C-alpha atoms as a PDB file:
ATOM      1  CA  MET A   1      89.090 116.677 125.401  1.00  0.00           C
ATOM      2  CA  ASN A   2      88.005 114.213 122.738  1.00  0.00           C
ATOM      3  CA  THR A   3      90.480 112.160 121.018  1.00  0.00           C
ATOM      4  CA  LYS A   4      88.860 112.056 117.908  1.00  0.00           C
ATOM      5  CA  GLU A   5      89.173 115.579 117.622  1.00  0.00           C
ATOM      6  CA  ILE A   6      92.693 116.012 117.745  1.00  0.00           C
ATOM      7  CA  LEU A   7      92.635 113.163 115.230  1.00  0.00           C
ATOM      8  CA  ARG A   8      91.176 115.173 113.107  1.00  0.00           C
ATOM      9  CA  TYR A   9      93.697 118.120 113.593  1.00  0.00           C
ATOM     10  CA  LEU A  10      96.538 115.653 112.445  1.00  0.00           C
ATOM     11  CA  GLY A  11      94.464 114.338 109.237  1.00  0.00           C
ATOM     12  CA  TYR A  12      93.225 111.215 110.396  1.00  0.00           C
ATOM     13  CA  GLY A  13      90.016 111.969 108.728  1.00  0.00           C
ATOM     14  CA  ARG A  14      88.348 108.390 109.150  1.00  0.00           C
ATOM     15  CA  HIS A  15      91.610 106.135 109.595  1.00  0.00           C
ATOM     16  CA  GLU A  16      92.299 104.127 112.581  1.00  0.00           C
ATOM     17  CA  ALA A  17      95.323 105.699 114.731  1.00  0.00           C
ATOM     18  CA  LYS A  18      98.762 103.402 115.841  1.00  0.00           C
ATOM     19  CA  GLU A  19      98.707 102.380 119.530  1.00  0.00           C
ATOM     20  CA  GLN A  20     101.690 104.940 119.986  1.00  0.00           C
ATOM     21  CA  VAL A  21     100.140 108.101 118.428  1.00  0.00           C
ATOM     22  CA  LEU A  22      97.090 107.657 120.974  1.00  0.00           C
ATOM     23  CA  VAL A  23      99.518 107.499 123.565  1.00  0.00           C
ATOM     24  CA  LEU A  24     101.410 110.603 122.144  1.00  0.00           C
ATOM     25  CA  ILE A  25      98.202 112.279 122.480  1.00  0.00           C
ATOM     26  CA  GLU A  26      97.771 111.372 126.262  1.00  0.00           C
ATOM     27  CA  ALA A  27     101.119 112.392 127.287  1.00  0.00           C
ATOM     28  CA  CYS A  28     100.103 115.607 124.932  1.00  0.00           C
ATOM     29  CA  VAL A  29      97.076 116.106 126.590  1.00  0.00           C
ATOM     30  CA  ARG A  30      98.346 116.130 130.053  1.00  0.00           C
ATOM     31  CA  GLU A  31     101.526 118.946 129.280  1.00  0.00           C
ATOM     32  CA  LEU A  32      98.722 120.902 127.757  1.00  0.00           C
ATOM     33  CA  GLU A  33      96.410 120.723 130.847  1.00  0.00           C
ATOM     34  CA  ARG A  34      99.089 121.770 133.245  1.00  0.00           C
ATOM     35  CA  ALA A  35     100.639 124.607 130.739  1.00  0.00           C
ATOM     36  CA  ALA A  36      97.155 126.351 129.978  1.00  0.00           C
ATOM     37  CA  VAL A  37      95.315 129.717 131.633  1.00  0.00           C
ATOM     38  CA  PRO A  38      92.452 129.854 129.353  1.00  0.00           C
ATOM     39  CA  LYS A  39      90.943 133.425 129.292  1.00  0.00           C
ATOM     40  CA  SER A  40      87.920 134.574 127.594  1.00  0.00           C
ATOM     41  CA  ILE A  41      86.584 138.283 126.622  1.00  0.00           C
ATOM     42  CA  TYR A  42      83.265 139.649 125.123  1.00  0.00           C
ATOM     43  CA  LYS A  43      81.026 142.675 124.553  1.00  0.00           C
ATOM     44  CA  GLU A  44      77.585 143.207 123.252  1.00  0.00           C
ATOM     45  CA  TYR A  45      77.167 145.941 120.447  1.00  0.00           C
ATOM     46  CA  PRO A  46      74.112 146.761 118.110  1.00  0.00           C
ATOM     47  CA  LEU A  47      74.258 145.981 114.458  1.00  0.00           C
ATOM     48  CA  SER A  48      73.262 147.658 111.138  1.00  0.00           C
ATOM     49  CA  PHE A  49      73.449 146.154 107.573  1.00  0.00           C
ATOM     50  CA  TYR A  50      74.326 148.255 104.408  1.00  0.00           C
ATOM     51  CA  GLY A  51      73.999 147.401 100.504  1.00  0.00           C
ATOM     52  CA  GLU A  52      74.310 144.106  99.753  1.00  0.00           C
ATOM     53  CA  GLU A  53      77.334 142.503 102.044  1.00  0.00           C
ATOM     54  CA  GLY A  54      77.191 145.822 104.226  1.00  0.00           C
ATOM     55  CA  ILE A  55      78.009 145.275 107.924  1.00  0.00           C
ATOM     56  CA  ASP A  56      78.099 147.474 110.940  1.00  0.00           C
ATOM     57  CA  CYS A  57      78.570 146.701 114.475  1.00  0.00           C
ATOM     58  CA  CYS A  58      79.968 150.144 116.078  1.00  0.00           C
ATOM     59  CA  ALA A  59      83.297 148.466 116.968  1.00  0.00           C
ATOM     60  CA  PHE A  60      84.529 147.671 113.062  1.00  0.00           C
ATOM     61  CA  GLN A  61      82.318 148.069 109.450  1.00  0.00           C
ATOM     62  CA  THR A  62      83.285 145.178 107.006  1.00  0.00           C
ATOM     63  CA  CYS A  63      81.499 144.116 103.784  1.00  0.00           C
ATOM     64  CA  SER A  64      81.206 140.325 103.773  1.00  0.00           C
ATOM     65  CA  LYS A  65      78.226 137.762 102.435  1.00  0.00           C
ATOM     66  CA  ALA A  66      79.316 134.793 104.659  1.00  0.00           C
ATOM     67  CA  LEU A  67      79.105 136.491 107.858  1.00  0.00           C
ATOM     68  CA  LYS A  68      76.124 138.746 106.739  1.00  0.00           C
ATOM     69  CA  LYS A  69      74.202 135.157 106.209  1.00  0.00           C
ATOM     70  CA  ASN A  70      75.479 133.778 109.176  1.00  0.00           C
ATOM     71  CA  LEU A  71      73.663 137.303 111.210  1.00  0.00           C
ATOM     72  CA  LYS A  72      70.205 137.217 109.660  1.00  0.00           C
ATOM     73  CA  ASP A  73      67.148 138.191 111.575  1.00  0.00           C
ATOM     74  CA  CYS A  74      70.536 139.429 114.448  1.00  0.00           C
ATOM     75  CA  GLN A  75      69.785 142.898 116.081  1.00  0.00           C
ATOM     76  CA  SER A  76      73.163 142.417 117.901  1.00  0.00           C
ATOM     77  CA  VAL A  77      76.362 140.884 118.267  1.00  0.00           C
ATOM     78  CA  LEU A  78      78.978 139.912 120.590  1.00  0.00           C
ATOM     79  CA  LEU A  79      82.415 140.517 119.785  1.00  0.00           C
ATOM     80  CA  PHE A  80      84.574 137.259 121.638  1.00  0.00           C
ATOM     81  CA  GLY A  81      88.344 136.508 122.013  1.00  0.00           C
ATOM     82  CA  ALA A  82      89.586 133.789 123.868  1.00  0.00           C
ATOM     83  CA  THR A  83      93.060 132.344 124.215  1.00  0.00           C
ATOM     84  CA  LEU A  84      94.617 129.292 126.055  1.00  0.00           C
ATOM     85  CA  GLY A  85      97.739 131.858 127.147  1.00  0.00           C
ATOM     86  CA  THR A  86     101.394 132.271 127.036  1.00  0.00           C
ATOM     87  CA  GLY A  87     102.226 128.840 128.594  1.00  0.00           C
ATOM     88  CA  VAL A  88     101.323 126.870 125.530  1.00  0.00           C
ATOM     89  CA  ASP A  89     103.398 128.935 123.296  1.00  0.00           C
ATOM     90  CA  LEU A  90     106.462 128.062 125.127  1.00  0.00           C
ATOM     91  CA  LEU A  91     105.902 124.643 125.601  1.00  0.00           C
ATOM     92  CA  LEU A  92     104.960 124.450 121.413  1.00  0.00           C
ATOM     93  CA  HIS A  93     107.985 126.387 120.780  1.00  0.00           C
ATOM     94  CA  ARG A  94     109.974 123.868 123.194  1.00  0.00           C
ATOM     95  CA  TYR A  95     109.106 120.715 121.344  1.00  0.00           C
ATOM     96  CA  ASN A  96     109.788 122.376 118.147  1.00  0.00           C
ATOM     97  CA  ARG A  97     113.244 122.263 119.047  1.00  0.00           C
ATOM     98  CA  LEU A  98     113.318 118.847 121.040  1.00  0.00           C
ATOM     99  CA  GLN A  99     110.381 116.739 119.336  1.00  0.00           C
ATOM    100  CA  MET A 100     108.930 117.287 116.141  1.00  0.00           C
ATOM    101  CA  SER A 101     106.628 114.743 116.038  1.00  0.00           C
ATOM    102  CA  LYS A 102     105.280 115.479 119.403  1.00  0.00           C
ATOM    103  CA  ALA A 103     104.971 119.171 118.400  1.00  0.00           C
ATOM    104  CA  VAL A 104     102.929 117.934 115.853  1.00  0.00           C
ATOM    105  CA  VAL A 105     100.913 116.374 118.303  1.00  0.00           C
ATOM    106  CA  LEU A 106     100.513 119.329 120.539  1.00  0.00           C
ATOM    107  CA  GLN A 107      99.812 121.669 117.584  1.00  0.00           C
ATOM    108  CA  ALA A 108      96.874 119.441 117.074  1.00  0.00           C
ATOM    109  CA  ALA A 109      95.763 118.941 120.791  1.00  0.00           C
ATOM    110  CA  ALA A 110      96.013 122.572 121.474  1.00  0.00           C
ATOM    111  CA  ALA A 111      93.920 123.433 118.795  1.00  0.00           C
ATOM    112  CA  ALA A 112      91.045 121.150 120.336  1.00  0.00           C
ATOM    113  CA  MET A 113      91.325 122.404 123.606  1.00  0.00           C
ATOM    114  CA  LEU A 114      90.755 125.768 122.419  1.00  0.00           C
ATOM    115  CA  GLU A 115      87.548 124.741 120.022  1.00  0.00           C
ATOM    116  CA  ASP A 116      86.464 122.643 123.369  1.00  0.00           C
ATOM    117  CA  TYR A 117      87.250 125.706 125.564  1.00  0.00           C
ATOM    118  CA  CYS A 118      85.460 128.406 123.007  1.00  0.00           C
ATOM    119  CA  ASP A 119      82.525 125.542 122.646  1.00  0.00           C
ATOM    120  CA  GLN A 120      82.324 125.658 126.630  1.00  0.00           C
ATOM    121  CA  MET A 121      82.236 129.698 126.906  1.00  0.00           C
ATOM    122  CA  ASN A 122      79.908 129.506 123.916  1.00  0.00           C
ATOM    123  CA  GLU A 123      77.020 126.797 125.860  1.00  0.00           C
ATOM    124  CA  GLU A 124      77.427 129.338 129.300  1.00  0.00           C
ATOM    125  CA  LEU A 125      76.451 132.194 126.747  1.00  0.00           C
ATOM    126  CA  GLU A 126      74.046 130.284 125.202  1.00  0.00           C
ATOM    127  CA  LYS A 127      72.059 130.028 128.660  1.00  0.00           C
ATOM    128  CA  LYS A 128      72.396 133.802 129.418  1.00  0.00           C
ATOM    129  CA  TYR A 129      70.718 134.567 126.812  1.00  0.00           C
ATOM    130  CA  GLU A 130      67.774 132.484 126.368  1.00  0.00           C
ATOM    131  CA  GLU A 131      67.100 133.560 129.724  1.00  0.00           C
ATOM    132  CA  LYS A 132      66.338 137.043 128.119  1.00  0.00           C
ATOM    133  CA  GLY A 133      64.794 135.125 125.069  1.00  0.00           C
ATOM    134  CA  LEU A 134      67.381 135.535 122.661  1.00  0.00           C
ATOM    135  CA  TYR A 135      69.605 133.720 121.014  1.00  0.00           C
ATOM    136  CA  LEU A 136      72.834 133.280 119.651  1.00  0.00           C
ATOM    137  CA  ARG A 137      74.156 132.019 115.849  1.00  0.00           C
ATOM    138  CA  PRO A 138      77.548 130.706 115.676  1.00  0.00           C
ATOM    139  CA  ARG A 139      80.255 132.316 116.375  1.00  0.00           C
ATOM    140  CA  PHE A 140      82.443 133.400 112.929  1.00  0.00           C
ATOM    141  CA  SER A 141      85.980 134.199 112.825  1.00  0.00           C
ATOM    142  CA  PRO A 142      87.848 137.119 110.671  1.00  0.00           C
ATOM    143  CA  GLY A 143      90.161 134.920 108.091  1.00  0.00           C
ATOM    144  CA  TYR A 144      86.717 132.474 107.976  1.00  0.00           C
ATOM    145  CA  GLY A 145      84.932 132.628 104.374  1.00  0.00           C
ATOM    146  CA  ASP A 146      84.984 136.451 103.090  1.00  0.00           C
ATOM    147  CA  PHE A 147      85.489 138.077 106.578  1.00  0.00           C
ATOM    148  CA  SER A 148      88.823 139.949 106.562  1.00  0.00           C
ATOM    149  CA  LEU A 149      91.353 139.977 109.091  1.00  0.00           C
ATOM    150  CA  GLU A 150      91.520 143.594 108.753  1.00  0.00           C
ATOM    151  CA  CYS A 151      88.834 143.808 110.831  1.00  0.00           C
ATOM    152  CA  GLN A 152      91.257 141.853 114.076  1.00  0.00           C
ATOM    153  CA  PRO A 153      92.898 145.215 115.350  1.00  0.00           C
ATOM    154  CA  ALA A 154      89.507 146.772 115.621  1.00  0.00           C
ATOM    155  CA  LEU A 155      88.153 143.537 117.056  1.00  0.00           C
ATOM    156  CA  LEU A 156      90.359 142.930 119.730  1.00  0.00           C
ATOM    157  CA  GLY A 157      90.881 146.824 120.450  1.00  0.00           C
ATOM    158  CA  CYS A 158      87.217 147.477 121.375  1.00  0.00           C
ATOM    159  CA  LEU A 159      87.396 144.164 123.535  1.00  0.00           C
ATOM    160  CA  GLU A 160      90.999 145.623 125.370  1.00  0.00           C
ATOM    161  CA  ALA A 161      92.315 142.173 124.183  1.00  0.00           C
ATOM    162  CA  GLY A 162      95.597 143.223 125.403  1.00  0.00           C
ATOM    163  CA  LYS A 163      94.983 144.240 128.549  1.00  0.00           C
ATOM    164  CA  ARG A 164      92.352 141.657 129.629  1.00  0.00           C
ATOM    165  CA  ILE A 165      93.681 138.396 128.522  1.00  0.00           C
ATOM    166  CA  GLY A 166      97.084 139.240 126.382  1.00  0.00           C
ATOM    167  CA  ILE A 167      95.793 138.773 123.266  1.00  0.00           C
ATOM    168  CA  THR A 168      98.146 141.127 120.892  1.00  0.00           C
ATOM    169  CA  LEU A 169      98.674 141.060 116.977  1.00  0.00           C
ATOM    170  CA  THR A 170     101.558 141.225 114.894  1.00  0.00           C
ATOM    171  CA  ASP A 171     102.059 143.292 111.797  1.00  0.00           C
ATOM    172  CA  SER A 172     100.966 140.202 109.654  1.00  0.00           C
ATOM    173  CA  LEU A 173      97.580 140.127 111.779  1.00  0.00           C
ATOM    174  CA  LEU A 174      98.477 136.964 113.573  1.00  0.00           C
ATOM    175  CA  MET A 175      97.492 136.864 117.404  1.00  0.00           C
ATOM    176  CA  ALA A 176     100.085 136.305 119.936  1.00  0.00           C
ATOM    177  CA  PRO A 177      99.240 133.792 122.054  1.00  0.00           C
ATOM    178  CA  SER A 178      99.349 131.642 118.724  1.00  0.00           C
ATOM    179  CA  LYS A 179      96.301 129.611 120.299  1.00  0.00           C
ATOM    180  CA  SER A 180      93.768 132.548 120.436  1.00  0.00           C
ATOM    181  CA  VAL A 181      90.591 133.295 118.887  1.00  0.00           C
ATOM    182  CA  THR A 182      88.163 136.062 118.179  1.00  0.00           C
ATOM    183  CA  ALA A 183      84.722 135.648 116.918  1.00  0.00           C
ATOM    184  CA  VAL A 184      81.446 137.735 115.961  1.00  0.00           C
ATOM    185  CA  ILE A 185      78.693 135.647 117.426  1.00  0.00           C
ATOM    186  CA  GLY A 186      74.641 137.213 116.176  1.00  0.00           C
ATOM    187  CA  ILE A 187      71.976 137.583 119.020  1.00  0.00           C
ATOM    188  CA  SER A 188      68.510 137.560 117.573  1.00  0.00           C
ATOM    189  CA  ARG A 189      64.839 137.172 118.833  1.00  0.00           C
ATOM    190  CA  ILE A 190      64.103 134.067 116.575  1.00  0.00           C
ATOM    191  CA  PRO A 191      66.200 130.278 116.959  1.00  0.00           C
ATOM    192  CA  GLY A 192      68.883 129.428 114.949  1.00  0.00           C
ATOM    193  CA  THR A 193      68.924 126.255 113.386  1.00  0.00           C
ATOM    194  CA  CYS A 194      72.864 125.039 112.850  1.00  0.00           C
ATOM    195  CA  GLY A 195      74.867 124.500 115.818  1.00  0.00           C
ATOM    196  CA  MET A 196      78.423 125.283 116.543  1.00  0.00           C
ATOM    197  CA  ARG A 197      80.069 122.622 114.632  1.00  0.00           C
ATOM    198  CA  SER A 198      79.028 124.163 111.145  1.00  0.00           C
ATOM    199  CA  CYS A 199      80.955 122.130 108.451  1.00  0.00           C
ATOM    200  CA  GLN A 200      77.820 121.694 106.932  1.00  0.00           C
ATOM    201  CA  ASP A 201      77.424 125.159 106.044  1.00  0.00           C
ATOM    202  CA  CYS A 202      81.048 125.860 104.498  1.00  0.00           C
ATOM    203  CA  GLU A 203      81.246 126.020 100.804  1.00  0.00           C
ATOM    204  CA  LYS A 204      84.900 124.176 101.274  1.00  0.00           C
ATOM    205  CA  ARG A 205      84.631 120.721 100.601  1.00  0.00           C
ATOM    206  CA  ASP A 206      88.099 120.047 100.469  1.00  0.00           C
ATOM    207  CA  CYS A 207      89.043 120.657 103.440  1.00  0.00           C
ATOM    208  CA  ALA A 208      91.550 118.180 105.207  1.00  0.00           C
ATOM    209  CA  TYR A 209      89.860 119.199 108.574  1.00  0.00           C
ATOM    210  CA  ARG A 210      86.316 118.589 107.727  1.00  0.00           C
ATOM    211  CA  ARG A 211      84.325 116.731 109.906  1.00  0.00           C
ATOM    212  CA  THR A 212      82.275 113.885 107.997  1.00  0.00           C
END
């Protein structure tokens, strides 16, 4: 994993981290690598639009200006889910009780690990679809921008994520294991111009985790 990404999640921005922080990050990464069992799943669905902001990908319908912009020129979508597994949650819970400073670093490292894993899976999918003359858009997750979390049950349901990779939802629409993610990935015949790491396209300029 990229240490800079972990430091970004810890809120360091452009500030240098002390040596003891870097040593702690290294120890946390080793523990996470032993605890994590990354898994992912995806399914392709046709895509259509209605009204000014309406999106229909068969698995669910929603209205989202931001997601519709992301899916411009797309004819279908991949619904995607990924998780680091329950072992990471157990590790986080243990250090929440025993050593809060380490728990904070573990949270940041686990978030970076999950993002890195999703990027790797996306790269594999990009290669697969480019062989067909198709191009993927950046993944876009429920809860980002105006893409409602209310779409989570339908998205996870159509993926059979609980049975296949162990992701379930709480009543408040939080995923368990906590280090899990779902996303919509557009598929187009037209190459895209932006990468997966797209802070430059986000309107939240004051985000503490924004990439510079």
